[in-house]
N, C-alpha and C. Protein backbone atom coordinates (compact mmCIF):
# COMPACT_ATOMS: atom_id res chain seq x y z
N MET A 1 14.80 86.46 251.08
CA MET A 1 14.26 85.36 251.85
C MET A 1 15.39 84.52 252.41
N GLU A 2 15.28 84.17 253.67
CA GLU A 2 16.31 83.37 254.28
C GLU A 2 16.26 81.95 253.74
N LYS A 3 17.42 81.38 253.56
CA LYS A 3 17.50 80.04 252.99
C LYS A 3 16.74 79.03 253.83
N SER A 4 16.82 79.15 255.13
CA SER A 4 16.17 78.17 256.00
C SER A 4 14.67 78.23 255.92
N ALA A 5 14.12 79.37 255.42
CA ALA A 5 12.68 79.51 255.33
C ALA A 5 12.11 78.92 254.06
N GLN A 6 12.97 78.51 253.12
CA GLN A 6 12.50 77.92 251.88
C GLN A 6 12.30 76.42 252.03
N PRO A 7 11.29 75.89 251.29
CA PRO A 7 11.21 74.44 251.25
C PRO A 7 12.51 73.85 250.72
N VAL A 8 12.90 72.69 251.21
CA VAL A 8 14.15 72.07 250.79
C VAL A 8 14.20 71.91 249.28
N TRP A 9 13.03 71.62 248.68
CA TRP A 9 13.02 71.32 247.26
C TRP A 9 12.97 72.57 246.39
N ALA A 10 13.09 73.77 246.98
CA ALA A 10 13.04 74.99 246.18
C ALA A 10 14.22 75.90 246.45
N ARG A 11 15.35 75.35 246.95
CA ARG A 11 16.43 76.22 247.38
C ARG A 11 17.45 76.53 246.28
N SER A 12 17.61 75.67 245.30
CA SER A 12 18.63 75.94 244.30
C SER A 12 18.13 76.99 243.31
N ARG A 13 19.10 77.60 242.58
CA ARG A 13 18.72 78.66 241.64
C ARG A 13 17.84 78.12 240.53
N CYS A 14 18.15 76.94 240.04
CA CYS A 14 17.32 76.40 238.95
C CYS A 14 15.92 76.09 239.44
N CYS A 15 15.77 75.72 240.73
CA CYS A 15 14.43 75.50 241.28
C CYS A 15 13.64 76.80 241.25
N ARG A 16 14.29 77.88 241.66
CA ARG A 16 13.58 79.16 241.69
C ARG A 16 13.19 79.59 240.28
N ASP A 17 14.08 79.32 239.30
CA ASP A 17 13.74 79.66 237.92
C ASP A 17 12.54 78.87 237.44
N ARG A 18 12.47 77.60 237.84
CA ARG A 18 11.33 76.78 237.44
C ARG A 18 10.04 77.29 238.09
N LEU A 19 10.12 77.72 239.33
CA LEU A 19 8.95 78.29 239.99
C LEU A 19 8.47 79.53 239.23
N GLN A 20 9.42 80.42 238.87
CA GLN A 20 9.06 81.63 238.15
C GLN A 20 8.52 81.30 236.77
N SER A 21 9.12 80.31 236.12
CA SER A 21 8.68 79.92 234.79
C SER A 21 7.25 79.40 234.81
N ALA A 22 6.95 78.57 235.81
CA ALA A 22 5.60 78.01 235.90
C ALA A 22 4.56 79.09 236.17
N ARG A 23 4.96 80.12 236.90
CA ARG A 23 4.01 81.19 237.21
C ARG A 23 3.81 82.12 236.03
N THR A 24 4.89 82.47 235.29
CA THR A 24 4.80 83.47 234.24
C THR A 24 4.56 82.89 232.86
N GLY A 25 4.86 81.60 232.69
CA GLY A 25 4.73 81.00 231.38
C GLY A 25 5.95 81.16 230.52
N ARG A 26 7.00 81.85 231.03
CA ARG A 26 8.24 82.02 230.27
C ARG A 26 9.21 80.90 230.59
N SER A 27 10.00 80.56 229.61
CA SER A 27 10.96 79.46 229.80
C SER A 27 12.05 79.88 230.77
N PRO A 28 12.50 78.96 231.64
CA PRO A 28 13.62 79.29 232.54
C PRO A 28 14.92 79.38 231.77
N CYS A 29 15.90 80.06 232.35
CA CYS A 29 17.20 80.18 231.69
C CYS A 29 17.84 78.82 231.53
N ARG A 30 18.30 78.51 230.34
CA ARG A 30 18.86 77.21 230.08
C ARG A 30 20.31 77.08 230.51
N HIS A 31 20.93 78.22 230.89
CA HIS A 31 22.34 78.15 231.25
C HIS A 31 22.54 77.86 232.72
N ASN A 32 21.49 77.71 233.48
CA ASN A 32 21.66 77.51 234.92
C ASN A 32 22.40 76.23 235.24
N ALA A 33 22.09 75.16 234.50
CA ALA A 33 22.76 73.89 234.78
C ALA A 33 24.26 74.01 234.56
N ALA A 34 24.65 74.76 233.52
CA ALA A 34 26.07 74.92 233.27
C ALA A 34 26.73 75.73 234.37
N LYS A 35 26.03 76.74 234.87
CA LYS A 35 26.59 77.58 235.92
C LYS A 35 26.73 76.83 237.23
N THR A 36 25.71 76.03 237.56
CA THR A 36 25.73 75.35 238.85
C THR A 36 26.50 74.04 238.81
N GLY A 37 26.71 73.51 237.60
CA GLY A 37 27.42 72.24 237.51
C GLY A 37 26.53 71.04 237.74
N HIS A 38 25.20 71.27 237.81
CA HIS A 38 24.26 70.17 238.03
C HIS A 38 23.38 70.03 236.80
N SER A 39 23.28 68.82 236.30
CA SER A 39 22.43 68.60 235.13
C SER A 39 20.97 68.63 235.52
N ARG A 40 20.66 68.24 236.77
CA ARG A 40 19.29 68.28 237.25
C ARG A 40 19.31 68.71 238.70
N CYS A 41 18.44 69.65 239.06
CA CYS A 41 18.49 70.19 240.41
C CYS A 41 17.75 69.29 241.39
N LEU A 42 17.87 69.62 242.67
CA LEU A 42 17.17 68.88 243.72
C LEU A 42 15.68 68.86 243.48
N PHE A 43 15.17 69.97 242.94
CA PHE A 43 13.77 70.10 242.60
C PHE A 43 13.31 68.92 241.75
N ASP A 44 14.05 68.64 240.67
CA ASP A 44 13.68 67.55 239.77
C ASP A 44 13.97 66.20 240.39
N ARG A 45 15.14 66.05 241.01
CA ARG A 45 15.56 64.73 241.49
C ARG A 45 14.67 64.22 242.61
N ALA A 46 14.29 65.13 243.53
CA ALA A 46 13.68 64.66 244.76
C ALA A 46 12.17 64.79 244.81
N ARG A 47 11.62 65.93 244.30
CA ARG A 47 10.25 66.15 244.67
C ARG A 47 9.35 66.69 243.56
N CYS A 48 9.84 67.58 242.71
CA CYS A 48 8.91 68.40 241.96
C CYS A 48 8.98 68.20 240.45
N ARG A 49 9.29 67.02 239.98
CA ARG A 49 9.24 66.79 238.54
C ARG A 49 7.81 67.05 238.07
N GLY A 50 7.67 67.86 237.01
CA GLY A 50 6.35 68.20 236.51
C GLY A 50 5.72 69.34 237.29
N LEU A 51 6.50 70.33 237.69
CA LEU A 51 6.00 71.44 238.50
C LEU A 51 4.75 72.11 237.94
N PRO A 52 4.64 72.35 236.62
CA PRO A 52 3.45 73.05 236.15
C PRO A 52 2.15 72.36 236.54
N GLN A 53 2.17 71.06 236.79
CA GLN A 53 0.97 70.36 237.21
C GLN A 53 0.48 70.88 238.56
N ILE A 54 1.39 71.36 239.39
CA ILE A 54 0.97 71.85 240.69
C ILE A 54 0.73 73.35 240.68
N LEU A 55 1.48 74.10 239.87
CA LEU A 55 1.31 75.54 239.90
C LEU A 55 0.15 76.01 239.03
N LEU A 56 -0.36 75.17 238.14
CA LEU A 56 -1.51 75.53 237.33
C LEU A 56 -1.27 76.85 236.61
N THR A 57 -0.49 76.80 235.56
CA THR A 57 -0.05 78.01 234.86
C THR A 57 -1.21 78.69 234.14
N PRO A 58 -1.04 79.97 233.77
CA PRO A 58 -2.13 80.69 233.10
C PRO A 58 -2.61 80.00 231.83
N GLU A 59 -1.70 79.33 231.13
CA GLU A 59 -2.08 78.66 229.89
C GLU A 59 -3.09 77.55 230.13
N MET A 60 -3.15 77.04 231.36
CA MET A 60 -4.08 75.96 231.68
C MET A 60 -5.48 76.49 231.98
N ARG A 61 -5.63 77.82 232.00
CA ARG A 61 -6.93 78.46 232.20
C ARG A 61 -7.60 78.00 233.50
N GLN A 62 -6.81 77.87 234.53
CA GLN A 62 -7.33 77.51 235.83
C GLN A 62 -7.54 78.77 236.67
N PRO A 63 -8.49 78.74 237.60
CA PRO A 63 -8.76 79.94 238.40
C PRO A 63 -7.73 80.21 239.49
N VAL A 64 -6.91 79.20 239.82
CA VAL A 64 -5.93 79.37 240.90
C VAL A 64 -4.58 78.83 240.47
N TYR A 65 -3.55 79.26 241.19
CA TYR A 65 -2.23 78.64 241.08
C TYR A 65 -1.69 78.45 242.49
N LEU A 66 -0.75 77.52 242.63
CA LEU A 66 -0.18 77.20 243.93
C LEU A 66 1.32 77.39 243.89
N ARG A 67 1.88 77.76 245.05
CA ARG A 67 3.33 77.80 245.22
C ARG A 67 3.66 77.68 246.70
N PRO A 68 4.90 77.34 247.01
CA PRO A 68 5.31 77.26 248.42
C PRO A 68 5.29 78.64 249.07
N PRO A 69 5.04 78.72 250.36
CA PRO A 69 5.08 80.01 251.05
C PRO A 69 6.51 80.52 251.17
N LYS A 70 6.65 81.82 251.28
CA LYS A 70 7.96 82.44 251.46
C LYS A 70 7.82 83.61 252.43
N SER A 71 8.94 84.12 252.88
CA SER A 71 8.92 85.13 253.93
C SER A 71 8.20 86.40 253.50
N SER A 72 8.25 86.73 252.22
CA SER A 72 7.59 87.95 251.74
C SER A 72 6.07 87.83 251.76
N ASP A 73 5.54 86.65 251.99
CA ASP A 73 4.09 86.46 252.10
C ASP A 73 3.55 86.85 253.48
N GLU A 74 4.45 87.16 254.40
CA GLU A 74 4.04 87.32 255.80
C GLU A 74 2.91 88.33 255.98
N ARG A 75 3.04 89.51 255.40
CA ARG A 75 2.03 90.54 255.64
C ARG A 75 0.66 90.12 255.14
N GLU A 76 0.58 89.65 253.89
CA GLU A 76 -0.71 89.25 253.34
C GLU A 76 -1.28 88.05 254.08
N PHE A 77 -0.41 87.11 254.42
CA PHE A 77 -0.85 85.91 255.13
C PHE A 77 -1.47 86.28 256.48
N LEU A 78 -0.76 87.08 257.27
CA LEU A 78 -1.25 87.43 258.61
C LEU A 78 -2.52 88.28 258.53
N ALA A 79 -2.60 89.16 257.55
CA ALA A 79 -3.82 89.96 257.37
C ALA A 79 -5.01 89.07 257.03
N SER A 80 -4.76 88.05 256.20
CA SER A 80 -5.83 87.12 255.83
C SER A 80 -6.27 86.29 257.02
N VAL A 81 -5.32 85.87 257.84
CA VAL A 81 -5.66 85.11 259.04
C VAL A 81 -6.50 85.97 259.98
N LYS A 82 -6.11 87.23 260.15
CA LYS A 82 -6.82 88.12 261.07
C LYS A 82 -8.28 88.30 260.68
N LYS A 83 -8.54 88.48 259.40
CA LYS A 83 -9.92 88.72 258.97
C LYS A 83 -10.73 87.42 258.87
N SER A 84 -10.07 86.28 259.06
CA SER A 84 -10.74 84.99 258.92
C SER A 84 -10.99 84.30 260.26
N GLY A 85 -10.83 85.02 261.36
CA GLY A 85 -10.95 84.40 262.67
C GLY A 85 -12.28 83.70 262.88
N ALA A 86 -13.37 84.35 262.52
CA ALA A 86 -14.69 83.74 262.72
C ALA A 86 -14.88 82.52 261.83
N LEU A 87 -14.31 82.56 260.64
CA LEU A 87 -14.43 81.44 259.71
C LEU A 87 -13.64 80.24 260.19
N HIS A 88 -12.48 80.46 260.78
CA HIS A 88 -11.58 79.37 261.17
C HIS A 88 -11.95 78.73 262.51
N SER A 89 -12.55 79.48 263.39
CA SER A 89 -12.88 78.96 264.72
C SER A 89 -14.14 78.09 264.65
N PRO A 90 -14.17 76.95 265.31
CA PRO A 90 -13.11 76.35 266.16
C PRO A 90 -12.30 75.28 265.43
N TRP A 91 -12.21 75.39 264.11
CA TRP A 91 -11.65 74.29 263.32
C TRP A 91 -10.12 74.27 263.32
N THR A 92 -9.50 75.43 263.20
CA THR A 92 -8.06 75.46 263.00
C THR A 92 -7.46 76.72 263.62
N LEU A 93 -6.16 76.69 263.85
CA LEU A 93 -5.43 77.83 264.42
C LEU A 93 -4.21 78.11 263.54
N PRO A 94 -4.38 78.85 262.46
CA PRO A 94 -3.24 79.18 261.59
C PRO A 94 -2.25 80.10 262.29
N PRO A 95 -1.04 80.21 261.79
CA PRO A 95 -0.07 81.18 262.35
C PRO A 95 -0.66 82.58 262.32
N SER A 96 -0.60 83.28 263.44
CA SER A 96 -1.27 84.58 263.54
C SER A 96 -0.35 85.71 263.96
N THR A 97 0.93 85.44 264.17
CA THR A 97 1.91 86.47 264.53
C THR A 97 3.14 86.29 263.64
N PRO A 98 3.97 87.32 263.51
CA PRO A 98 5.20 87.16 262.72
C PRO A 98 6.07 86.00 263.20
N GLU A 99 6.14 85.83 264.52
CA GLU A 99 6.95 84.73 265.07
C GLU A 99 6.37 83.38 264.67
N HIS A 100 5.07 83.26 264.76
CA HIS A 100 4.43 82.00 264.39
C HIS A 100 4.58 81.73 262.89
N PHE A 101 4.50 82.78 262.08
CA PHE A 101 4.64 82.59 260.64
C PHE A 101 6.05 82.13 260.30
N ARG A 102 7.06 82.73 260.91
CA ARG A 102 8.43 82.30 260.64
C ARG A 102 8.66 80.88 261.11
N ALA A 103 8.08 80.51 262.24
CA ALA A 103 8.19 79.13 262.71
C ALA A 103 7.50 78.17 261.75
N TYR A 104 6.39 78.60 261.18
CA TYR A 104 5.68 77.80 260.18
C TYR A 104 6.56 77.56 258.95
N LEU A 105 7.19 78.62 258.45
CA LEU A 105 8.08 78.46 257.30
C LEU A 105 9.20 77.48 257.61
N GLU A 106 9.79 77.60 258.78
CA GLU A 106 10.88 76.71 259.17
C GLU A 106 10.41 75.27 259.25
N ARG A 107 9.26 75.08 259.88
CA ARG A 107 8.74 73.72 260.04
C ARG A 107 8.40 73.08 258.70
N MET A 108 7.87 73.87 257.77
CA MET A 108 7.46 73.33 256.48
C MET A 108 8.61 73.20 255.50
N SER A 109 9.82 73.56 255.90
CA SER A 109 10.97 73.49 255.01
C SER A 109 11.66 72.13 255.03
N THR A 110 11.19 71.20 255.82
CA THR A 110 11.82 69.89 255.94
C THR A 110 11.21 68.91 254.94
N TYR A 111 11.90 67.79 254.76
CA TYR A 111 11.41 66.76 253.84
C TYR A 111 10.16 66.07 254.35
N GLU A 112 9.85 66.21 255.63
CA GLU A 112 8.66 65.57 256.19
C GLU A 112 7.40 66.38 255.94
N ASN A 113 7.55 67.60 255.43
CA ASN A 113 6.40 68.49 255.27
C ASN A 113 6.46 69.20 253.92
N ALA A 114 5.30 69.60 253.44
CA ALA A 114 5.22 70.40 252.21
C ALA A 114 4.03 71.33 252.34
N ALA A 115 4.24 72.61 252.03
CA ALA A 115 3.18 73.61 252.16
C ALA A 115 2.92 74.28 250.82
N PHE A 116 1.67 74.64 250.59
CA PHE A 116 1.26 75.27 249.34
C PHE A 116 0.28 76.39 249.64
N LEU A 117 0.56 77.58 249.13
CA LEU A 117 -0.40 78.67 249.18
C LEU A 117 -1.20 78.67 247.89
N VAL A 118 -2.48 78.98 248.02
CA VAL A 118 -3.38 79.03 246.87
C VAL A 118 -3.65 80.50 246.54
N PHE A 119 -3.42 80.86 245.28
CA PHE A 119 -3.64 82.24 244.83
C PHE A 119 -4.64 82.25 243.67
N ARG A 120 -5.46 83.28 243.64
CA ARG A 120 -6.40 83.46 242.53
C ARG A 120 -5.67 84.09 241.36
N HIS A 121 -5.81 83.50 240.19
CA HIS A 121 -5.12 84.00 239.01
C HIS A 121 -5.52 85.42 238.64
N ALA A 122 -6.79 85.75 238.81
CA ALA A 122 -7.29 87.02 238.32
C ALA A 122 -6.57 88.21 238.93
N ASP A 123 -6.20 88.10 240.23
CA ASP A 123 -5.60 89.24 240.91
C ASP A 123 -4.47 88.86 241.86
N ASP A 124 -4.01 87.60 241.81
CA ASP A 124 -2.93 87.13 242.67
C ASP A 124 -3.27 87.24 244.15
N CYS A 125 -4.54 87.20 244.47
CA CYS A 125 -4.97 87.30 245.86
C CYS A 125 -4.82 85.95 246.55
N LEU A 126 -4.36 85.97 247.80
CA LEU A 126 -4.19 84.75 248.58
C LEU A 126 -5.55 84.19 248.97
N VAL A 127 -5.80 82.94 248.59
CA VAL A 127 -7.09 82.29 248.78
C VAL A 127 -7.10 81.37 249.98
N GLY A 128 -6.04 80.55 250.13
CA GLY A 128 -6.02 79.57 251.21
C GLY A 128 -4.69 78.85 251.27
N VAL A 129 -4.66 77.79 252.05
CA VAL A 129 -3.43 77.07 252.36
C VAL A 129 -3.70 75.57 252.37
N PHE A 130 -2.75 74.79 251.85
CA PHE A 130 -2.72 73.34 252.02
C PHE A 130 -1.38 72.95 252.60
N ASN A 131 -1.40 72.07 253.59
CA ASN A 131 -0.18 71.53 254.19
C ASN A 131 -0.22 70.01 254.17
N ILE A 132 0.87 69.40 253.73
CA ILE A 132 1.06 67.96 253.90
C ILE A 132 2.16 67.79 254.94
N THR A 133 1.83 67.15 256.04
CA THR A 133 2.75 67.07 257.17
C THR A 133 3.01 65.64 257.59
N ASN A 134 4.08 65.49 258.38
CA ASN A 134 4.44 64.19 258.97
C ASN A 134 4.48 63.08 257.93
N ILE A 135 5.14 63.37 256.80
CA ILE A 135 5.27 62.36 255.75
C ILE A 135 6.15 61.22 256.25
N VAL A 136 5.64 60.02 256.13
CA VAL A 136 6.37 58.82 256.55
C VAL A 136 6.67 58.00 255.30
N ARG A 137 7.92 57.64 255.13
CA ARG A 137 8.33 56.86 253.96
C ARG A 137 8.34 55.37 254.30
N GLY A 138 9.26 54.62 253.71
CA GLY A 138 9.32 53.19 253.96
C GLY A 138 8.09 52.49 253.43
N ALA A 139 7.54 51.59 254.22
CA ALA A 139 6.39 50.79 253.79
C ALA A 139 5.09 51.59 253.86
N PHE A 140 5.11 52.77 254.49
CA PHE A 140 3.87 53.53 254.71
C PHE A 140 3.58 54.50 253.57
N GLN A 141 4.53 55.36 253.21
CA GLN A 141 4.40 56.34 252.12
C GLN A 141 3.11 57.14 252.25
N SER A 142 2.96 57.78 253.40
CA SER A 142 1.71 58.48 253.68
C SER A 142 1.99 59.84 254.31
N GLY A 143 1.04 60.75 254.19
CA GLY A 143 1.15 62.06 254.82
C GLY A 143 -0.22 62.54 255.27
N TYR A 144 -0.22 63.54 256.15
CA TYR A 144 -1.45 64.10 256.69
C TYR A 144 -1.75 65.43 256.02
N LEU A 145 -2.98 65.61 255.60
CA LEU A 145 -3.40 66.80 254.89
C LEU A 145 -4.15 67.76 255.81
N GLY A 146 -3.73 69.01 255.82
CA GLY A 146 -4.46 70.07 256.50
C GLY A 146 -4.69 71.22 255.55
N TYR A 147 -5.72 72.01 255.78
CA TYR A 147 -6.02 73.12 254.86
C TYR A 147 -6.99 74.09 255.50
N TYR A 148 -7.00 75.31 254.97
CA TYR A 148 -7.99 76.30 255.37
C TYR A 148 -8.09 77.35 254.28
N VAL A 149 -9.29 77.87 254.12
CA VAL A 149 -9.55 78.94 253.16
C VAL A 149 -9.63 80.25 253.93
N PHE A 150 -9.35 81.34 253.26
CA PHE A 150 -9.45 82.64 253.90
C PHE A 150 -10.79 83.29 253.56
N ALA A 151 -11.25 84.11 254.48
CA ALA A 151 -12.57 84.74 254.35
C ALA A 151 -12.68 85.52 253.04
N GLY A 152 -13.83 85.36 252.40
CA GLY A 152 -14.08 86.02 251.14
C GLY A 152 -13.86 85.14 249.94
N HIS A 153 -13.25 83.95 250.16
CA HIS A 153 -12.95 83.04 249.05
C HIS A 153 -13.63 81.68 249.21
N GLU A 154 -14.40 81.52 250.25
CA GLU A 154 -15.06 80.24 250.49
C GLU A 154 -16.25 80.08 249.53
N ARG A 155 -16.59 78.81 249.28
CA ARG A 155 -17.75 78.43 248.47
C ARG A 155 -17.69 78.97 247.04
N GLN A 156 -16.49 79.05 246.49
CA GLN A 156 -16.32 79.50 245.10
C GLN A 156 -15.66 78.44 244.23
N GLY A 157 -15.34 77.29 244.81
CA GLY A 157 -14.70 76.22 244.06
C GLY A 157 -13.20 76.38 243.93
N LEU A 158 -12.63 77.42 244.52
CA LEU A 158 -11.20 77.67 244.38
C LEU A 158 -10.37 76.65 245.16
N MET A 159 -10.81 76.31 246.35
CA MET A 159 -10.07 75.34 247.16
C MET A 159 -10.19 73.93 246.56
N ARG A 160 -11.29 73.65 245.92
CA ARG A 160 -11.39 72.35 245.26
C ARG A 160 -10.36 72.22 244.15
N LYS A 161 -10.21 73.26 243.33
CA LYS A 161 -9.18 73.23 242.30
C LYS A 161 -7.80 73.07 242.92
N GLY A 162 -7.58 73.78 244.01
CA GLY A 162 -6.30 73.66 244.69
C GLY A 162 -6.05 72.28 245.24
N LEU A 163 -7.06 71.68 245.87
CA LEU A 163 -6.89 70.35 246.44
C LEU A 163 -6.67 69.30 245.36
N GLU A 164 -7.34 69.42 244.25
CA GLU A 164 -7.11 68.48 243.15
C GLU A 164 -5.65 68.52 242.72
N ALA A 165 -5.08 69.72 242.65
CA ALA A 165 -3.67 69.86 242.26
C ALA A 165 -2.74 69.29 243.33
N VAL A 166 -3.06 69.53 244.60
CA VAL A 166 -2.23 69.01 245.69
C VAL A 166 -2.23 67.49 245.69
N VAL A 167 -3.39 66.89 245.48
CA VAL A 167 -3.47 65.42 245.45
C VAL A 167 -2.64 64.86 244.30
N ARG A 168 -2.74 65.47 243.12
CA ARG A 168 -1.91 65.02 241.99
C ARG A 168 -0.44 65.11 242.34
N PHE A 169 -0.07 66.22 242.95
CA PHE A 169 1.33 66.43 243.30
C PHE A 169 1.81 65.40 244.33
N ALA A 170 0.99 65.12 245.31
CA ALA A 170 1.36 64.17 246.36
C ALA A 170 1.63 62.79 245.78
N PHE A 171 0.82 62.37 244.83
CA PHE A 171 0.97 61.02 244.28
C PHE A 171 1.99 60.95 243.15
N ARG A 172 2.02 61.95 242.28
CA ARG A 172 2.92 61.89 241.13
C ARG A 172 4.34 62.34 241.48
N ASN A 173 4.45 63.35 242.30
CA ASN A 173 5.75 63.96 242.55
C ASN A 173 6.37 63.54 243.87
N LEU A 174 5.59 63.57 244.93
CA LEU A 174 6.10 63.10 246.22
C LEU A 174 6.08 61.58 246.32
N LYS A 175 5.38 60.92 245.39
CA LYS A 175 5.32 59.45 245.33
C LYS A 175 4.68 58.87 246.59
N LEU A 176 3.72 59.58 247.15
CA LEU A 176 3.00 59.04 248.30
C LEU A 176 1.97 58.00 247.85
N HIS A 177 1.63 57.13 248.76
CA HIS A 177 0.60 56.13 248.50
C HIS A 177 -0.75 56.55 249.08
N ARG A 178 -0.70 57.44 250.10
CA ARG A 178 -1.92 57.74 250.83
C ARG A 178 -1.86 59.14 251.43
N LEU A 179 -2.99 59.84 251.38
CA LEU A 179 -3.16 61.11 252.07
C LEU A 179 -4.33 60.98 253.04
N GLU A 180 -4.13 61.46 254.26
CA GLU A 180 -5.17 61.36 255.29
C GLU A 180 -5.53 62.76 255.79
N ALA A 181 -6.83 63.01 255.91
CA ALA A 181 -7.32 64.27 256.45
C ALA A 181 -8.24 63.97 257.62
N ASN A 182 -7.96 64.55 258.78
CA ASN A 182 -8.79 64.38 259.97
C ASN A 182 -9.60 65.65 260.18
N ILE A 183 -10.93 65.51 260.21
CA ILE A 183 -11.84 66.65 260.17
C ILE A 183 -12.89 66.51 261.26
N GLN A 184 -13.17 67.61 261.95
CA GLN A 184 -14.22 67.58 262.96
C GLN A 184 -15.57 67.34 262.30
N PRO A 185 -16.41 66.49 262.90
CA PRO A 185 -17.67 66.08 262.26
C PRO A 185 -18.60 67.24 261.91
N THR A 186 -18.54 68.32 262.67
CA THR A 186 -19.42 69.45 262.39
C THR A 186 -18.85 70.42 261.35
N ASN A 187 -17.64 70.15 260.87
CA ASN A 187 -17.04 71.00 259.84
C ASN A 187 -17.53 70.53 258.47
N VAL A 188 -18.76 70.87 258.19
CA VAL A 188 -19.45 70.35 257.00
C VAL A 188 -18.75 70.76 255.71
N ALA A 189 -18.28 71.99 255.64
CA ALA A 189 -17.66 72.48 254.40
C ALA A 189 -16.37 71.73 254.09
N SER A 190 -15.56 71.46 255.12
CA SER A 190 -14.30 70.74 254.89
C SER A 190 -14.55 69.30 254.49
N ILE A 191 -15.55 68.69 255.08
CA ILE A 191 -15.89 67.32 254.71
C ILE A 191 -16.38 67.28 253.26
N ALA A 192 -17.20 68.25 252.89
CA ALA A 192 -17.69 68.30 251.50
C ALA A 192 -16.54 68.46 250.51
N LEU A 193 -15.52 69.22 250.89
CA LEU A 193 -14.38 69.42 250.00
C LEU A 193 -13.64 68.12 249.74
N VAL A 194 -13.28 67.39 250.78
CA VAL A 194 -12.52 66.16 250.55
C VAL A 194 -13.38 65.11 249.83
N LYS A 195 -14.67 65.06 250.14
CA LYS A 195 -15.55 64.11 249.44
C LYS A 195 -15.58 64.42 247.95
N ALA A 196 -15.64 65.70 247.61
CA ALA A 196 -15.70 66.10 246.20
C ALA A 196 -14.42 65.73 245.46
N CYS A 197 -13.31 65.59 246.20
CA CYS A 197 -12.02 65.27 245.57
C CYS A 197 -11.65 63.81 245.70
N GLY A 198 -12.60 62.96 246.10
CA GLY A 198 -12.38 61.52 246.07
C GLY A 198 -11.94 60.87 247.36
N PHE A 199 -11.89 61.62 248.46
CA PHE A 199 -11.54 61.03 249.75
C PHE A 199 -12.71 60.18 250.26
N LEU A 200 -12.38 59.12 250.97
CA LEU A 200 -13.38 58.24 251.57
C LEU A 200 -13.21 58.22 253.08
N GLN A 201 -14.33 58.14 253.79
CA GLN A 201 -14.24 58.09 255.25
C GLN A 201 -13.80 56.71 255.70
N GLU A 202 -12.76 56.68 256.51
CA GLU A 202 -12.21 55.41 256.99
C GLU A 202 -12.57 55.12 258.45
N GLY A 203 -12.86 56.17 259.21
CA GLY A 203 -13.14 55.90 260.61
C GLY A 203 -13.45 57.16 261.39
N TYR A 204 -13.52 56.99 262.70
CA TYR A 204 -13.88 58.07 263.62
C TYR A 204 -12.94 58.00 264.82
N SER A 205 -12.35 59.15 265.19
CA SER A 205 -11.37 59.19 266.26
C SER A 205 -11.84 60.12 267.38
N PRO A 206 -12.36 59.56 268.48
CA PRO A 206 -12.80 60.40 269.59
C PRO A 206 -11.63 61.15 270.23
N ARG A 207 -11.87 62.40 270.58
CA ARG A 207 -10.90 63.23 271.30
C ARG A 207 -9.51 63.14 270.64
N TYR A 208 -9.48 63.37 269.35
CA TYR A 208 -8.28 63.13 268.55
C TYR A 208 -7.26 64.25 268.65
N LEU A 209 -7.71 65.51 268.57
CA LEU A 209 -6.81 66.66 268.60
C LEU A 209 -7.29 67.69 269.61
N LYS A 210 -6.33 68.36 270.26
CA LYS A 210 -6.67 69.42 271.19
C LYS A 210 -6.62 70.76 270.46
N ILE A 211 -7.76 71.39 270.29
CA ILE A 211 -7.89 72.64 269.56
C ILE A 211 -8.63 73.63 270.44
N ASN A 212 -8.05 74.82 270.60
CA ASN A 212 -8.65 75.84 271.46
C ASN A 212 -8.91 75.32 272.87
N GLY A 213 -7.99 74.50 273.37
CA GLY A 213 -8.09 74.03 274.74
C GLY A 213 -9.00 72.85 274.97
N ARG A 214 -9.57 72.28 273.91
CA ARG A 214 -10.49 71.15 274.06
C ARG A 214 -10.06 70.00 273.15
N TRP A 215 -10.19 68.78 273.67
CA TRP A 215 -9.96 67.60 272.85
C TRP A 215 -11.19 67.37 271.99
N ARG A 216 -10.99 67.31 270.70
CA ARG A 216 -12.13 67.28 269.78
C ARG A 216 -12.12 66.00 268.93
N ASP A 217 -13.32 65.46 268.73
CA ASP A 217 -13.49 64.28 267.89
C ASP A 217 -13.22 64.65 266.43
N HIS A 218 -12.74 63.66 265.67
CA HIS A 218 -12.48 63.88 264.25
C HIS A 218 -12.92 62.66 263.43
N GLU A 219 -13.39 62.93 262.23
CA GLU A 219 -13.58 61.87 261.24
C GLU A 219 -12.29 61.72 260.46
N ARG A 220 -11.97 60.49 260.10
CA ARG A 220 -10.73 60.22 259.35
C ARG A 220 -11.10 59.93 257.89
N TRP A 221 -10.63 60.80 257.00
CA TRP A 221 -10.86 60.68 255.57
C TRP A 221 -9.50 60.44 254.88
N ALA A 222 -9.50 59.63 253.84
CA ALA A 222 -8.24 59.33 253.16
C ALA A 222 -8.48 59.06 251.68
N ILE A 223 -7.41 59.24 250.90
CA ILE A 223 -7.43 58.90 249.49
C ILE A 223 -6.14 58.16 249.17
N LEU A 224 -6.24 57.15 248.31
CA LEU A 224 -5.09 56.34 247.92
C LEU A 224 -4.66 56.68 246.51
N ALA A 225 -3.39 56.50 246.24
CA ALA A 225 -2.88 56.72 244.89
C ALA A 225 -3.55 55.75 243.91
N PRO A 226 -3.79 56.18 242.70
CA PRO A 226 -4.42 55.29 241.70
C PRO A 226 -3.59 54.04 241.47
């Protein structure tokens, strides 16, 4: 995997060990800090203290786990997008070509963005995606939430488990104060998901986003840190 395609907070060796540890349940190598000369990696210092809370390890008996996307996900990701065209239209336009997927990885590798793939524990099948984008710090401490499920995994409660983990991560680890999700009024399933996870409707934005060549109205839903 190319370094530029990794999230900033997962580039060091100890970060990768922590990712593997959270997924497998095995302890990471303790000698990494000595080898790298860092007592705590960027992962811990900047963004991901408490990683198991977001990856939902097997010991937690959760139906899904989350991790950042990587270049080796390209084939499964694009295949899932292809079979989900009817489900996603007209709500969202996920990356659908190798070029778009690589651009997505690059875009989500900055400190202003964070991406999470949702996998089913039973078979490691890709379930869906959550993106936190355009994170603004300073007095705002807010980010925008986007998400989509892949065909065959909808209405099973898997995305709800994933969103609960993403919200915890946003507030505990990214130290955000607010997450905002803008959803088309007729997207009943997406609205039901954020409502189930504690989001409240704050307003209505006419002709808010241009999707599939049309400016579309959106409802504005948000959740605040406890």
